Amino acid sequence: MTDKMAELMAAYPTYEQVESFTEDFRTGAKNAYGKGVHWARYWLDPTLNILTTLLKGNIYAVVAYPPRGWYPDKLPYLEYFRGWILEYHPLTESWELLISSQEVGIDDFMLLRQACKES
């Protein structure tokens, strides 16, 4: 892996950054470049977009993905996306990581995210 490849891989957000994006969204999305009632979009850097969505109640999903025009055959070392599902606990004002795509894989993550939305 070249230094540039390693740099792009490292560009995916840390869990602390994911939590920060989610907290910003929960409290009004003041740092988002686009927002709706149930979602907000952020840029981490020019190589990654961040989408934060409210699934239900205090459960949120965050996905980080390369911008349009990225094709896996050109940058095969980048994942299609990385995702996290977090729950906010108002009594303790804390976040809990419920699942991440790195733990379960992208397909299972997408199924779990959909199940949270529908339950």
Protein backbone atom coordinates (compact mmCIF):
# COMPACT_ATOMS: atom_id res chain seq x y z
CA MET A 1 0.00 0.00 0.00
CA THR A 2 1.38 3.39 -0.96
CA ASP A 3 1.53 6.36 1.40
CA LYS A 4 -1.38 7.98 -0.51
CA MET A 5 -3.49 4.84 -0.09
CA ALA A 6 -2.74 4.75 3.63
CA GLU A 7 -3.62 8.45 3.87
CA LEU A 8 -7.01 7.90 2.21
CA MET A 9 -7.75 4.88 4.43
CA ALA A 10 -6.90 6.98 7.48
CA ALA A 11 -9.32 9.65 6.24
CA TYR A 12 -12.31 7.65 7.47
CA PRO A 13 -13.50 9.24 10.71
CA THR A 14 -12.51 7.97 14.11
CA TYR A 15 -15.27 6.96 16.50
CA GLU A 16 -14.75 10.25 18.36
CA GLN A 17 -15.36 12.18 15.13
CA VAL A 18 -18.46 10.08 14.39
CA GLU A 19 -19.80 10.89 17.84
CA SER A 20 -19.06 14.58 17.28
CA PHE A 21 -20.96 14.65 13.95
CA THR A 22 -23.89 12.88 15.59
CA GLU A 23 -23.96 15.28 18.54
CA ASP A 24 -23.85 18.25 16.16
CA PHE A 25 -26.82 16.82 14.26
CA ARG A 26 -28.73 16.04 17.45
CA THR A 27 -28.30 19.64 18.64
CA GLY A 28 -29.30 21.41 15.41
CA ALA A 29 -26.64 20.58 12.79
CA LYS A 30 -24.98 24.00 12.90
CA ASN A 31 -21.81 22.64 11.24
CA ALA A 32 -23.60 20.71 8.48
CA TYR A 33 -23.43 21.84 4.86
CA GLY A 34 -26.89 20.38 4.23
CA LYS A 35 -29.67 19.30 6.54
CA GLY A 36 -33.24 18.15 6.80
CA VAL A 37 -35.48 17.06 9.64
CA HIS A 38 -34.00 13.56 9.85
CA TRP A 39 -30.54 13.98 8.28
CA ALA A 40 -27.46 16.18 7.99
CA ARG A 41 -24.47 16.10 5.65
CA TYR A 42 -20.90 16.95 6.57
CA TRP A 43 -17.49 16.89 4.91
CA LEU A 44 -14.62 15.36 6.78
CA ASP A 45 -12.18 16.32 4.06
CA PRO A 46 -12.32 16.39 0.24
CA THR A 47 -12.18 12.59 0.07
CA LEU A 48 -15.14 11.75 2.31
CA ASN A 49 -18.76 12.73 2.79
CA ILE A 50 -20.55 12.11 6.09
CA LEU A 51 -24.30 11.50 6.34
CA THR A 52 -25.92 11.45 9.77
CA THR A 53 -29.53 10.28 10.05
CA LEU A 54 -32.05 9.88 12.82
CA LEU A 55 -33.33 6.31 12.68
CA LYS A 56 -35.79 6.52 15.57
CA GLY A 57 -35.97 7.95 19.08
CA ASN A 58 -32.39 8.41 20.24
CA ILE A 59 -30.82 6.08 17.66
CA TYR A 60 -28.73 7.57 14.87
CA ALA A 61 -26.76 6.23 11.91
CA VAL A 62 -23.63 7.75 10.45
CA VAL A 63 -22.09 6.71 7.15
CA ALA A 64 -18.84 7.98 5.66
CA TYR A 65 -18.38 7.46 1.94
CA PRO A 66 -16.23 8.70 -0.94
CA PRO A 67 -17.68 11.46 -3.14
CA ARG A 68 -19.45 10.92 -6.46
CA GLY A 69 -17.15 9.84 -9.23
CA TRP A 70 -15.29 7.35 -7.05
CA TYR A 71 -15.20 3.89 -8.52
CA PRO A 72 -14.00 0.80 -6.64
CA ASP A 73 -11.91 -0.30 -9.62
CA LYS A 74 -9.91 2.95 -9.45
CA LEU A 75 -9.38 2.97 -5.67
CA PRO A 76 -10.01 -0.65 -4.61
CA TYR A 77 -8.46 -0.13 -1.17
CA LEU A 78 -11.27 2.22 -0.13
CA GLU A 79 -14.40 0.68 1.29
CA TYR A 80 -17.77 1.52 -0.30
CA PHE A 81 -18.59 3.16 3.02
CA ARG A 82 -18.11 2.83 6.74
CA GLY A 83 -21.10 3.07 9.01
CA TRP A 84 -21.97 3.34 12.69
CA ILE A 85 -25.22 3.12 14.64
CA LEU A 86 -25.22 5.01 17.92
CA GLU A 87 -27.70 5.53 20.72
CA TYR A 88 -27.87 8.70 22.78
CA HIS A 89 -28.62 8.36 26.51
CA PRO A 90 -30.20 11.64 27.71
CA LEU A 91 -29.91 10.85 31.43
CA THR A 92 -26.13 10.49 31.24
CA GLU A 93 -25.69 12.70 28.15
CA SER A 94 -23.56 9.96 26.63
CA TRP A 95 -23.34 7.97 23.42
CA GLU A 96 -23.18 4.21 22.99
CA LEU A 97 -21.91 2.51 19.85
CA LEU A 98 -24.44 -0.19 18.98
CA ILE A 99 -22.79 -1.52 15.80
CA SER A 100 -20.34 -0.58 13.07
CA SER A 101 -19.86 -1.83 9.54
CA GLN A 102 -16.26 -2.70 10.40
CA GLU A 103 -17.57 -5.17 12.99
CA VAL A 104 -20.33 -6.84 10.98
CA GLY A 105 -19.64 -5.96 7.34
CA ILE A 106 -21.47 -3.59 5.04
CA ASP A 107 -24.34 -5.94 4.08
CA ASP A 108 -25.25 -6.75 7.68
CA PHE A 109 -24.86 -3.11 8.68
CA MET A 110 -27.36 -2.06 6.00
CA LEU A 111 -29.82 -4.73 7.18
CA LEU A 112 -29.47 -3.63 10.82
CA ARG A 113 -29.87 0.03 9.90
CA GLN A 114 -33.05 -0.75 7.97
CA ALA A 115 -34.38 -2.87 10.85
CA CYS A 116 -33.83 0.04 13.26
CA LYS A 117 -35.76 2.39 10.98
CA GLU A 118 -38.68 0.00 10.68
CA SER A 119 -38.98 -1.10 14.31
